[in-house]
Amino acid sequence: MNARETTLLEALPTGLYIDGKWVDGADGTFDVHDPATGELLARVADASAQDGLRALDAAAAAQRSWARTPPRERGEVLRRTWQLLEDRAEDFALLMTLEMGKPIAESRAEVAYGGEFLRWFAEEAVRISGRYGSAPEGRGLMTVSQRPVGPCYLVTPWNFPLAMATRKVAPAVAAGCTAVVKPAELTPLTTLALIGLLTDAGLPPGVVNVVTTTRPEPLSDALLSDRRLRKLSFTGSTRVGVSLLRKAAGNVLRTSMELGGNAPFVVFEDADLDRAVDGAVLAKFRNVGQACTAANRFLVHRSVADEFVARLTDRVAALTVGRGTEDGVEIGPLVSARAVEGSARLVGDAVSRGAVVRTGGRAPAGPGHYFEPTLLDGVTAEMAVSAEEIFAPIVGVQRFDTEDEAVALANATDFGLVGYVFTRDAQRGARMMELIETGMLGLNVGAVSNAAAPFGGVKQSGLGREGGAEGIGEYLETTYTLTPSPFG
């Protein structure tokens, strides 16, 4: 590590943040490593289930006063946090690259994207509204209003350490909810830095608490079984999400679940291939392929498949691999050795079933958790690379002949988070908007995420929406009051 990296890490708090104080964890500490080098970055407090309940104590105690805080004041805390983040953008970008591995240019883009959730929900706080009017039969006056759902448990993933935290914390704070945040064990440092900004921006003690842990299951069990908790928001795998949903059912918690994906990337015969190849690189290799929105199954019309594969192979082979802090690096390391092993397994399975490696396909020798950007041709639906969420820089191309076949292949999955379609035919594009079974669709674009848009999926990709006008509604309860008519 260089001097700047060392200085940044030495200034970072590494405790649990409970009721406005940095405290030790009951289970000691755990290590956070740089996936590019294996070097130790920090030792972070390891929370027990009792630590989690202490955090919930603080959130429950702060709930009433925070809910009664004027919406404008809640929004101003978020706006000031956004401004502080803008001022420290380079520090946050470097911190994310160190703990997660993504190239620094992508980390800078995540700072901008994550910041937009702070700015967006700062504005949404004052737009919480209701309605008032006569009952249709004239029996009285109806008042419909919204109020905070209450203390929330927010569980964030490792792949977007800032944006996934702001996407949950910002609407909760704006709505008047308090929260316990549990970041991923692999990438907790960015969340710890974020809570520092919220505190500096004037967030009162207890409103947002952070617990880091290597034993999430007992901590989550303790929180989900406590009647004071009223909301769960989770981003992660469908397997874990299903387990949490079962546990949340015991206290009938409000839930927002952003789960796994298996995104189709459909290229029709009339597509603009230059645009499609650019979109493919963006949709697949952003975040080293480690994104729930990453294109997973490349479905290409047979008439243009060879040309598409040739063009994309050239682009994939030219991608620069290295530590994300280095100039010009486009592909950083995967997050762990386990992720590298999983990538090799997917490639090996595909090749054993007849796929052809056009470029890449190996884990290079040396330190760090790297896997070469890879393109597999001749992929079929039976291969693991088609059935599983890849989370690696691996493209698998499958051919189709008709529009109906493309739609059937795209929908042949239990998941439905996002899809991508490339066609010049406006009517076909409109049909795809209706026929592709996903919560989001990129039509002739390779990225769809935006703080002003609702993010979420269908089927086993989850419940609820984050972002947009819809996002704050996940943290609000609707109440209705009937009063007598003033006219008798």
Protein backbone atom coordinates (compact mmCIF):
# COMPACT_ATOMS: atom_id res chain seq x y z
CA MET A 1 0.00 0.00 0.00
CA ASN A 2 1.15 3.52 -0.70
CA ALA A 3 1.16 6.40 1.79
CA ARG A 4 -2.22 7.77 0.73
CA GLU A 5 -3.91 4.40 1.12
CA THR A 6 -2.33 3.89 4.54
CA THR A 7 -3.39 7.35 5.72
CA LEU A 8 -6.97 6.79 4.52
CA LEU A 9 -7.27 3.46 6.31
CA GLU A 10 -5.67 4.66 9.54
CA ALA A 11 -8.26 7.45 9.82
CA LEU A 12 -11.20 5.08 9.35
CA PRO A 13 -13.34 4.07 12.36
CA THR A 14 -13.53 0.30 12.75
CA GLY A 15 -15.95 -0.19 15.63
CA LEU A 16 -19.68 -0.76 15.81
CA TYR A 17 -21.72 2.44 15.63
CA ILE A 18 -24.50 2.28 18.21
CA ASP A 19 -26.50 5.21 19.59
CA GLY A 20 -24.04 7.75 18.24
CA LYS A 21 -20.93 6.09 19.69
CA TRP A 22 -18.17 3.88 18.31
CA VAL A 23 -17.97 0.74 20.47
CA ASP A 24 -16.21 -2.62 20.45
CA GLY A 25 -17.87 -5.82 19.31
CA ALA A 26 -18.52 -8.62 21.76
CA ASP A 27 -16.88 -11.17 19.44
CA GLY A 28 -13.61 -9.27 19.00
CA THR A 29 -12.55 -8.28 15.49
CA PHE A 30 -12.24 -9.71 11.99
CA ASP A 31 -9.89 -8.95 9.13
CA VAL A 32 -10.72 -7.15 5.89
CA HIS A 33 -8.34 -7.81 2.98
CA ASP A 34 -7.53 -6.24 -0.38
CA PRO A 35 -8.73 -8.78 -2.99
CA ALA A 36 -6.10 -7.53 -5.44
CA THR A 37 -3.12 -8.34 -3.21
CA GLY A 38 -4.35 -10.25 -0.20
CA GLU A 39 -2.98 -7.53 2.11
CA LEU A 40 -4.69 -6.73 5.39
CA LEU A 41 -6.62 -3.47 5.17
CA ALA A 42 -8.23 -3.24 8.61
CA ARG A 43 -9.51 -5.13 11.62
CA VAL A 44 -13.18 -4.42 12.20
CA ALA A 45 -15.39 -5.00 15.22
CA ASP A 46 -17.23 -8.33 15.14
CA ALA A 47 -20.77 -7.99 16.48
CA SER A 48 -22.68 -10.63 18.40
CA ALA A 49 -26.44 -11.06 18.44
CA GLN A 50 -26.51 -9.05 21.67
CA ASP A 51 -24.68 -6.21 19.93
CA GLY A 52 -27.38 -6.28 17.27
CA LEU A 53 -30.08 -5.98 19.94
CA ARG A 54 -28.22 -3.04 21.52
CA ALA A 55 -28.33 -1.36 18.12
CA LEU A 56 -32.06 -2.07 17.89
CA ASP A 57 -32.50 -0.64 21.41
CA ALA A 58 -30.98 2.61 20.13
CA ALA A 59 -33.08 2.63 16.96
CA ALA A 60 -36.31 1.94 18.87
CA ALA A 61 -35.54 4.67 21.42
CA ALA A 62 -34.90 7.23 18.66
CA GLN A 63 -37.88 6.28 16.49
CA ARG A 64 -40.56 8.55 17.94
CA SER A 65 -38.50 11.73 17.96
CA TRP A 66 -37.09 11.10 14.48
CA ALA A 67 -40.57 10.40 13.07
CA ARG A 68 -41.72 13.73 14.50
CA THR A 69 -38.77 15.62 13.05
CA PRO A 70 -40.05 17.87 10.24
CA PRO A 71 -39.56 16.34 6.79
CA ARG A 72 -37.54 19.36 5.69
CA GLU A 73 -35.04 18.78 8.50
CA ARG A 74 -34.75 15.08 7.64
CA GLY A 75 -34.16 15.99 4.02
CA GLU A 76 -31.54 18.57 4.92
CA VAL A 77 -29.50 15.94 6.78
CA LEU A 78 -29.44 13.87 3.59
CA ARG A 79 -28.61 16.89 1.43
CA ARG A 80 -25.68 17.82 3.68
CA THR A 81 -24.49 14.19 3.62
CA TRP A 82 -24.55 14.28 -0.18
CA GLN A 83 -22.48 17.46 -0.19
CA LEU A 84 -19.94 15.95 2.22
CA LEU A 85 -19.73 12.89 -0.01
CA GLU A 86 -19.08 15.11 -3.03
CA ASP A 87 -16.28 16.80 -1.10
CA ARG A 88 -14.69 13.45 -0.20
CA ALA A 89 -15.46 11.62 -3.44
CA GLU A 90 -11.86 10.59 -4.11
CA ASP A 91 -11.44 9.10 -0.63
CA PHE A 92 -14.61 7.06 -0.97
CA ALA A 93 -13.66 5.87 -4.45
CA LEU A 94 -10.26 4.72 -3.27
CA LEU A 95 -11.74 3.01 -0.21
CA MET A 96 -14.17 1.02 -2.37
CA THR A 97 -11.43 -0.03 -4.76
CA LEU A 98 -9.27 -1.19 -1.87
CA GLU A 99 -11.89 -3.33 -0.16
CA MET A 100 -13.91 -4.54 -3.16
CA GLY A 101 -11.38 -4.45 -6.03
CA LYS A 102 -13.28 -2.61 -8.78
CA PRO A 103 -11.31 -0.20 -11.00
CA ILE A 104 -11.03 3.31 -9.59
CA ALA A 105 -13.02 4.78 -12.50
CA GLU A 106 -15.95 2.53 -11.60
CA SER A 107 -15.60 3.43 -7.93
CA ARG A 108 -15.84 7.11 -8.86
CA ALA A 109 -18.97 6.33 -10.86
CA GLU A 110 -20.43 4.53 -7.83
CA VAL A 111 -19.76 7.54 -5.62
CA ALA A 112 -21.78 9.65 -8.05
CA TYR A 113 -24.53 7.03 -8.30
CA GLY A 114 -24.67 6.37 -4.56
CA GLY A 115 -24.72 10.08 -3.86
CA GLU A 116 -27.77 10.52 -6.04
CA PHE A 117 -29.84 8.42 -3.62
CA LEU A 118 -28.94 10.86 -0.86
CA ARG A 119 -29.90 13.82 -3.04
CA TRP A 120 -33.05 12.20 -4.48
CA PHE A 121 -34.50 11.17 -1.12
CA ALA A 122 -33.55 14.49 0.44
CA GLU A 123 -36.08 15.89 -2.02
CA GLU A 124 -38.61 13.08 -1.54
CA ALA A 125 -38.80 13.65 2.23
CA VAL A 126 -40.96 16.73 1.74
CA ARG A 127 -43.19 15.04 -0.85
CA ILE A 128 -44.72 12.48 1.52
CA SER A 129 -48.42 13.19 1.18
CA GLY A 130 -51.94 11.84 1.54
CA ARG A 131 -55.46 12.77 0.45
CA TYR A 132 -58.63 14.19 1.89
CA GLY A 133 -62.18 14.09 0.62
CA SER A 134 -65.77 13.05 1.10
CA ALA A 135 -66.80 9.44 1.36
CA PRO A 136 -68.70 8.60 -1.85
CA GLU A 137 -72.04 8.08 -0.08
CA GLY A 138 -71.63 11.32 1.91
CA ARG A 139 -71.31 9.55 5.27
CA GLY A 140 -68.22 11.49 6.35
CA LEU A 141 -64.77 12.80 5.45
CA MET A 142 -61.89 10.50 4.60
CA THR A 143 -58.30 11.38 5.53
CA VAL A 144 -55.55 9.16 4.13
CA SER A 145 -52.03 9.79 5.41
CA GLN A 146 -48.64 8.11 5.60
CA ARG A 147 -46.32 7.59 8.53
CA PRO A 148 -42.97 5.84 9.07
CA VAL A 149 -43.14 2.08 9.30
CA GLY A 150 -40.71 2.09 12.26
CA PRO A 151 -37.28 0.62 13.04
CA CYS A 152 -35.70 -1.09 10.03
CA TYR A 153 -33.02 -3.75 9.51
CA LEU A 154 -31.03 -2.96 6.37
CA VAL A 155 -28.73 -5.68 5.01
CA THR A 156 -26.37 -4.65 2.22
CA PRO A 157 -24.19 -6.71 -0.16
CA TRP A 158 -20.45 -6.52 -0.84
CA ASN A 159 -20.48 -5.63 -4.54
CA PHE A 160 -21.65 -1.98 -4.36
CA PRO A 161 -20.62 -0.96 -0.84
CA LEU A 162 -21.72 2.68 -1.09
CA ALA A 163 -24.70 2.65 -3.46
CA MET A 164 -26.46 -0.25 -1.77
CA ALA A 165 -26.10 1.48 1.60
CA THR A 166 -27.38 4.86 0.41
CA ARG A 167 -30.20 3.20 -1.56
CA LYS A 168 -31.56 1.80 1.72
CA VAL A 169 -30.48 4.33 4.35
CA ALA A 170 -31.60 7.43 2.43
CA PRO A 171 -35.30 6.50 2.00
CA ALA A 172 -35.48 5.19 5.57
CA VAL A 173 -34.08 8.45 6.96
CA ALA A 174 -36.27 10.54 4.64
CA ALA A 175 -39.42 8.65 5.67
CA GLY A 176 -38.71 9.12 9.38
CA CYS A 177 -37.54 5.59 10.14
CA THR A 178 -34.60 4.57 12.29
CA ALA A 179 -32.35 1.70 11.24
CA VAL A 180 -29.80 -0.96 12.04
CA VAL A 181 -27.47 -1.46 9.07
CA LYS A 182 -25.47 -4.65 8.56
CA PRO A 183 -22.92 -4.34 5.76
CA ALA A 184 -21.30 -7.38 4.15
CA GLU A 185 -18.37 -8.95 5.95
CA LEU A 186 -16.16 -8.65 2.85
CA THR A 187 -16.68 -4.89 2.37
CA PRO A 188 -17.70 -3.14 5.60
CA LEU A 189 -15.32 -0.17 5.43
CA THR A 190 -17.32 2.04 3.07
CA THR A 191 -20.42 1.82 5.26
CA LEU A 192 -18.38 2.77 8.32
CA ALA A 193 -17.10 5.81 6.43
CA LEU A 194 -20.65 6.70 5.32
CA ILE A 195 -22.00 6.77 8.88
CA GLY A 196 -19.29 9.29 9.67
CA LEU A 197 -20.69 11.58 6.97
CA LEU A 198 -24.25 11.20 8.25
CA THR A 199 -23.09 12.09 11.75
CA ASP A 200 -21.18 15.13 10.51
CA ALA A 201 -24.31 16.17 8.62
CA GLY A 202 -26.30 16.30 11.86
CA LEU A 203 -28.02 12.91 12.08
CA PRO A 204 -29.09 12.42 15.73
CA PRO A 205 -27.75 9.47 17.77
CA GLY A 206 -29.67 6.22 17.37
CA VAL A 207 -31.28 7.04 14.04
CA VAL A 208 -28.81 4.93 12.02
CA ASN A 209 -26.69 2.26 13.72
CA VAL A 210 -24.11 0.00 12.07
CA VAL A 211 -23.16 -3.53 13.12
CA THR A 212 -20.44 -5.48 11.33
CA THR A 213 -20.22 -9.22 11.88
CA THR A 214 -18.86 -12.53 10.65
CA ARG A 215 -21.89 -14.33 12.07
CA PRO A 216 -24.88 -12.71 10.39
CA GLU A 217 -27.37 -15.51 10.99
CA PRO A 218 -27.68 -15.33 14.81
CA LEU A 219 -27.62 -11.53 14.68
CA SER A 220 -30.36 -11.45 12.05
CA ASP A 221 -32.39 -14.05 13.92
CA ALA A 222 -32.29 -11.94 17.07
CA LEU A 223 -33.44 -8.81 15.27
CA LEU A 224 -36.13 -10.46 13.16
CA SER A 225 -37.69 -12.13 16.20
CA ASP A 226 -37.89 -8.82 18.12
CA ARG A 227 -41.34 -7.22 17.89
CA ARG A 228 -39.88 -3.70 17.86
CA LEU A 229 -38.43 -4.26 14.38
CA ARG A 230 -40.96 -3.42 11.67
CA LYS A 231 -39.11 -3.58 8.36
CA LEU A 232 -36.46 -5.69 6.61
CA SER A 233 -34.63 -4.62 3.47
CA PHE A 234 -32.15 -7.14 2.04
CA THR A 235 -29.99 -7.24 -1.06
CA GLY A 236 -28.26 -10.55 -1.76
CA SER A 237 -28.83 -14.07 -2.96
CA THR A 238 -32.25 -15.60 -3.42
CA ARG A 239 -31.27 -18.48 -1.14
CA VAL A 240 -30.55 -16.18 1.80
CA GLY A 241 -33.49 -13.93 0.91
CA VAL A 242 -35.95 -16.82 1.08
CA SER A 243 -34.60 -17.78 4.50
CA LEU A 244 -34.96 -14.21 5.77
CA LEU A 245 -38.49 -13.96 4.37
CA ARG A 246 -39.51 -17.04 6.36
CA LYS A 247 -38.12 -15.52 9.53
CA ALA A 248 -39.64 -12.10 8.82
CA ALA A 249 -43.06 -13.73 8.49
CA GLY A 250 -43.11 -14.48 12.22
CA ASN A 251 -43.67 -10.82 13.05
CA VAL A 252 -45.32 -9.95 9.71
CA LEU A 253 -42.54 -7.51 8.79
CA ARG A 254 -42.63 -5.22 5.80
CA THR A 255 -39.96 -6.52 3.41
CA SER A 256 -38.02 -5.25 0.43
CA MET A 257 -35.97 -8.01 -1.19
CA GLU A 258 -33.58 -7.41 -4.08
CA LEU A 259 -32.38 -10.90 -4.85
CA GLY A 260 -30.58 -12.84 -7.57
CA GLY A 261 -30.66 -12.29 -11.30
CA ASN A 262 -30.06 -14.20 -14.53
CA ALA A 263 -30.33 -11.35 -17.03
CA PRO A 264 -30.91 -12.15 -20.71
CA PHE A 265 -29.08 -9.99 -23.27
CA VAL A 266 -31.00 -10.43 -26.54
CA VAL A 267 -29.51 -9.32 -29.87
CA PHE A 268 -31.95 -9.49 -32.80
CA GLU A 269 -30.99 -9.71 -36.46
CA ASP A 270 -31.80 -6.02 -37.03
CA ALA A 271 -29.75 -4.75 -34.07
CA ASP A 272 -27.13 -2.04 -34.40
CA LEU A 273 -24.14 -4.31 -33.70
CA ASP A 274 -21.84 -1.46 -32.71
CA ARG A 275 -24.34 -0.40 -30.07
CA ALA A 276 -24.97 -4.01 -29.05
CA VAL A 277 -21.28 -4.76 -28.53
CA ASP A 278 -20.80 -1.56 -26.53
CA GLY A 279 -23.85 -2.46 -24.47
CA ALA A 280 -22.56 -5.97 -23.93
CA VAL A 281 -19.24 -4.75 -22.55
CA LEU A 282 -21.03 -2.39 -20.18
CA ALA A 283 -23.73 -4.84 -19.11
CA LYS A 284 -21.29 -7.71 -18.51
CA PHE A 285 -18.00 -6.26 -17.30
CA ARG A 286 -19.13 -3.42 -15.05
CA ASN A 287 -17.97 -4.23 -11.54
CA VAL A 288 -15.90 -7.15 -12.92
CA GLY A 289 -19.19 -8.87 -13.77
CA GLN A 290 -20.12 -8.96 -10.08
CA ALA A 291 -23.54 -7.33 -10.28
CA CYS A 292 -27.08 -8.64 -10.01
CA THR A 293 -27.84 -6.55 -13.11
CA ALA A 294 -24.96 -8.06 -15.12
CA ALA A 295 -25.92 -9.65 -18.42
CA ASN A 296 -25.84 -13.39 -17.82
CA ARG A 297 -27.20 -15.12 -20.93
CA PHE A 298 -26.27 -13.66 -24.33
CA LEU A 299 -28.98 -14.72 -26.78
CA VAL A 300 -28.00 -13.75 -30.33
CA HIS A 301 -29.88 -14.28 -33.59
CA ARG A 302 -28.10 -16.90 -35.67
CA SER A 303 -27.74 -14.60 -38.69
CA VAL A 304 -25.56 -12.10 -36.80
CA ALA A 305 -24.07 -14.34 -34.12
CA ASP A 306 -20.70 -14.98 -35.78
CA GLU A 307 -20.09 -11.29 -36.36
CA PHE A 308 -21.25 -10.38 -32.87
CA VAL A 309 -18.97 -13.02 -31.33
CA ALA A 310 -15.98 -11.88 -33.40
CA ARG A 311 -16.44 -8.23 -32.45
CA LEU A 312 -17.07 -8.94 -28.80
CA THR A 313 -14.15 -11.38 -28.59
CA ASP A 314 -11.80 -8.63 -29.76
CA ARG A 315 -13.17 -6.25 -27.14
CA VAL A 316 -12.98 -8.81 -24.34
CA ALA A 317 -9.43 -9.87 -25.22
CA ALA A 318 -8.31 -6.23 -25.11
CA LEU A 319 -9.59 -5.54 -21.58
CA THR A 320 -6.80 -4.62 -19.15
CA VAL A 321 -6.64 -6.65 -15.94
CA GLY A 322 -4.95 -5.46 -12.77
CA ARG A 323 -5.25 -3.80 -9.39
CA GLY A 324 -8.07 -1.30 -9.56
CA THR A 325 -5.90 1.56 -8.32
CA GLU A 326 -3.67 1.40 -11.40
CA ASP A 327 -4.22 3.69 -14.39
CA GLY A 328 -5.98 2.10 -17.35
CA VAL A 329 -7.19 -1.02 -15.51
CA GLU A 330 -10.64 -2.10 -16.68
CA ILE A 331 -10.99 -5.45 -14.88
CA GLY A 332 -10.00 -5.76 -11.24
CA PRO A 333 -9.94 -8.87 -9.07
CA LEU A 334 -12.93 -10.91 -8.01
CA VAL A 335 -13.89 -10.45 -4.40
CA SER A 336 -12.54 -13.77 -3.07
CA ALA A 337 -10.71 -16.98 -3.87
CA ARG A 338 -14.06 -18.77 -3.74
CA ALA A 339 -15.33 -16.54 -6.56
CA VAL A 340 -12.32 -17.51 -8.69
CA GLU A 341 -12.98 -21.20 -8.04
CA GLY A 342 -16.62 -20.74 -9.03
CA SER A 343 -15.62 -19.04 -12.28
CA ALA A 344 -13.27 -21.89 -13.21
CA ARG A 345 -16.04 -24.39 -12.45
CA LEU A 346 -18.49 -22.60 -14.77
CA VAL A 347 -15.99 -22.50 -17.63
CA GLY A 348 -15.00 -26.13 -17.10
CA ASP A 349 -18.62 -27.29 -17.13
CA ALA A 350 -19.38 -25.34 -20.31
CA VAL A 351 -16.33 -26.70 -22.16
CA SER A 352 -17.10 -30.26 -21.07
CA ARG A 353 -20.56 -29.85 -22.62
CA GLY A 354 -19.32 -28.50 -25.95
CA ALA A 355 -18.77 -24.74 -25.52
CA VAL A 356 -15.70 -23.15 -27.09
CA VAL A 357 -13.46 -20.65 -25.29
CA ARG A 358 -12.81 -17.76 -27.69
CA THR A 359 -10.67 -15.82 -25.21
CA GLY A 360 -9.72 -16.05 -21.53
CA GLY A 361 -10.98 -18.92 -19.44
CA ARG A 362 -8.29 -19.11 -16.76
CA ALA A 363 -7.18 -17.74 -13.42
CA PRO A 364 -3.74 -16.17 -13.96
CA ALA A 365 -0.88 -17.08 -11.63
CA GLY A 366 0.19 -14.67 -8.92
CA PRO A 367 -1.35 -12.87 -5.93
CA GLY A 368 -4.92 -11.62 -5.90
CA HIS A 369 -8.27 -13.13 -6.88
CA TYR A 370 -8.17 -12.62 -10.64
CA PHE A 371 -9.96 -14.37 -13.49
CA GLU A 372 -9.40 -13.58 -17.14
CA PRO A 373 -12.21 -11.87 -19.07
CA THR A 374 -13.75 -14.79 -20.93
CA LEU A 375 -16.01 -15.40 -23.91
CA LEU A 376 -17.64 -18.79 -24.39
CA ASP A 377 -19.30 -19.58 -27.72
CA GLY A 378 -21.78 -22.37 -28.43
CA VAL A 379 -23.40 -22.20 -25.00
CA THR A 380 -26.65 -24.07 -24.43
CA ALA A 381 -29.40 -23.76 -21.84
CA GLU A 382 -28.29 -26.96 -20.07
CA MET A 383 -24.91 -25.52 -19.06
CA ALA A 384 -24.37 -24.12 -15.57
CA VAL A 385 -23.22 -20.84 -17.10
CA SER A 386 -26.77 -20.40 -18.42
CA ALA A 387 -28.63 -21.60 -15.33
CA GLU A 388 -26.63 -19.87 -12.56
CA GLU A 389 -25.98 -16.24 -11.76
CA ILE A 390 -22.38 -15.88 -12.96
CA PHE A 391 -20.94 -12.97 -10.93
CA ALA A 392 -17.69 -13.07 -12.93
CA PRO A 393 -16.27 -11.60 -16.17
CA ILE A 394 -17.63 -14.45 -18.30
CA VAL A 395 -19.76 -14.09 -21.46
CA GLY A 396 -21.68 -17.11 -22.74
CA VAL A 397 -23.23 -16.79 -26.23
CA GLN A 398 -26.25 -18.86 -27.27
CA ARG A 399 -27.95 -18.68 -30.68
CA PHE A 400 -31.66 -18.45 -31.55
CA ASP A 401 -33.70 -18.37 -34.77
CA THR A 402 -37.05 -16.66 -34.09
CA GLU A 403 -38.48 -13.93 -31.91
CA ASP A 404 -40.70 -16.41 -30.09
CA GLU A 405 -37.69 -18.59 -29.34
CA ALA A 406 -35.76 -15.57 -28.02
CA VAL A 407 -38.59 -14.65 -25.67
CA ALA A 408 -38.96 -18.23 -24.47
CA LEU A 409 -35.22 -18.48 -23.77
CA ALA A 410 -35.15 -15.11 -22.04
CA ASN A 411 -38.01 -16.11 -19.74
CA ALA A 412 -36.76 -19.67 -19.08
CA THR A 413 -35.53 -18.85 -15.59
CA ASP A 414 -36.91 -18.47 -12.10
CA PHE A 415 -35.38 -15.00 -11.96
CA GLY A 416 -36.58 -11.71 -13.40
CA LEU A 417 -34.53 -8.73 -12.30
CA VAL A 418 -33.41 -7.08 -15.54
CA GLY A 419 -33.12 -7.83 -19.24
CA TYR A 420 -31.44 -6.19 -22.23
CA VAL A 421 -32.78 -6.12 -25.77
CA PHE A 422 -31.14 -4.73 -28.92
CA THR A 423 -33.28 -4.13 -31.99
CA ARG A 424 -33.93 -1.30 -34.46
CA ASP A 425 -37.60 -2.32 -34.79
CA ALA A 426 -39.68 -0.02 -32.56
CA GLN A 427 -42.69 -2.35 -32.59
CA ARG A 428 -40.54 -5.31 -31.63
CA GLY A 429 -39.04 -3.24 -28.83
CA ALA A 430 -42.53 -2.44 -27.58
CA ARG A 431 -43.41 -6.15 -27.69
CA MET A 432 -40.32 -6.98 -25.64
CA MET A 433 -41.37 -4.46 -23.00
CA GLU A 434 -44.55 -6.50 -22.60
CA LEU A 435 -43.15 -10.01 -23.05
CA ILE A 436 -39.82 -10.12 -21.21
CA GLU A 437 -40.51 -11.16 -17.61
CA THR A 438 -38.28 -8.75 -15.71
CA GLY A 439 -38.77 -5.82 -13.38
CA MET A 440 -36.45 -3.67 -15.50
CA LEU A 441 -35.48 -3.62 -19.18
CA GLY A 442 -32.66 -1.93 -21.06
CA LEU A 443 -33.84 -1.34 -24.64
CA ASN A 444 -30.75 -0.63 -26.77
CA VAL A 445 -28.79 0.33 -23.64
CA GLY A 446 -26.43 -1.68 -21.44
CA ALA A 447 -27.18 -0.03 -18.06
CA VAL A 448 -30.52 0.82 -16.46
CA SER A 449 -29.87 1.88 -12.86
CA ASN A 450 -30.89 5.40 -11.85
CA ALA A 451 -31.78 6.85 -8.46
CA ALA A 452 -34.94 8.38 -9.94
CA ALA A 453 -36.20 5.01 -11.25
CA PRO A 454 -37.72 2.06 -9.36
CA PHE A 455 -35.16 -0.75 -9.03
CA GLY A 456 -36.39 -4.30 -8.44
CA GLY A 457 -37.44 -7.57 -9.97
CA VAL A 458 -40.17 -10.17 -10.36
CA LYS A 459 -40.35 -13.90 -9.68
CA GLN A 460 -37.46 -15.03 -7.45
CA SER A 461 -35.58 -11.77 -8.02
CA GLY A 462 -37.44 -10.14 -5.19
CA LEU A 463 -40.19 -7.96 -3.76
CA GLY A 464 -40.62 -4.21 -3.59
CA ARG A 465 -38.72 -1.38 -5.28
CA GLU A 466 -35.78 0.81 -4.36
CA GLY A 467 -35.24 4.27 -5.81
CA GLY A 468 -37.67 6.54 -7.61
CA ALA A 469 -40.90 7.87 -6.16
CA GLU A 470 -41.73 4.25 -5.31
CA GLY A 471 -38.68 3.80 -3.09
CA ILE A 472 -39.80 5.89 -0.13
CA GLY A 473 -43.18 4.15 -0.08
CA GLU A 474 -41.44 0.96 1.09
CA TYR A 475 -40.74 2.75 4.40
CA LEU A 476 -44.22 4.21 4.95
CA GLU A 477 -47.49 2.85 6.32
CA THR A 478 -50.79 4.13 4.93
CA THR A 479 -53.46 5.09 7.47
CA TYR A 480 -57.09 6.05 6.95
CA THR A 481 -59.38 8.04 9.24
CA LEU A 482 -63.13 8.65 8.82
CA THR A 483 -64.68 11.68 10.54
CA PRO A 484 -68.34 12.77 10.53
CA SER A 485 -69.46 15.08 7.81
CA PRO A 486 -69.38 18.72 8.99
CA PHE A 487 -72.70 19.18 7.20
CA GLY A 488 -74.59 16.66 9.31
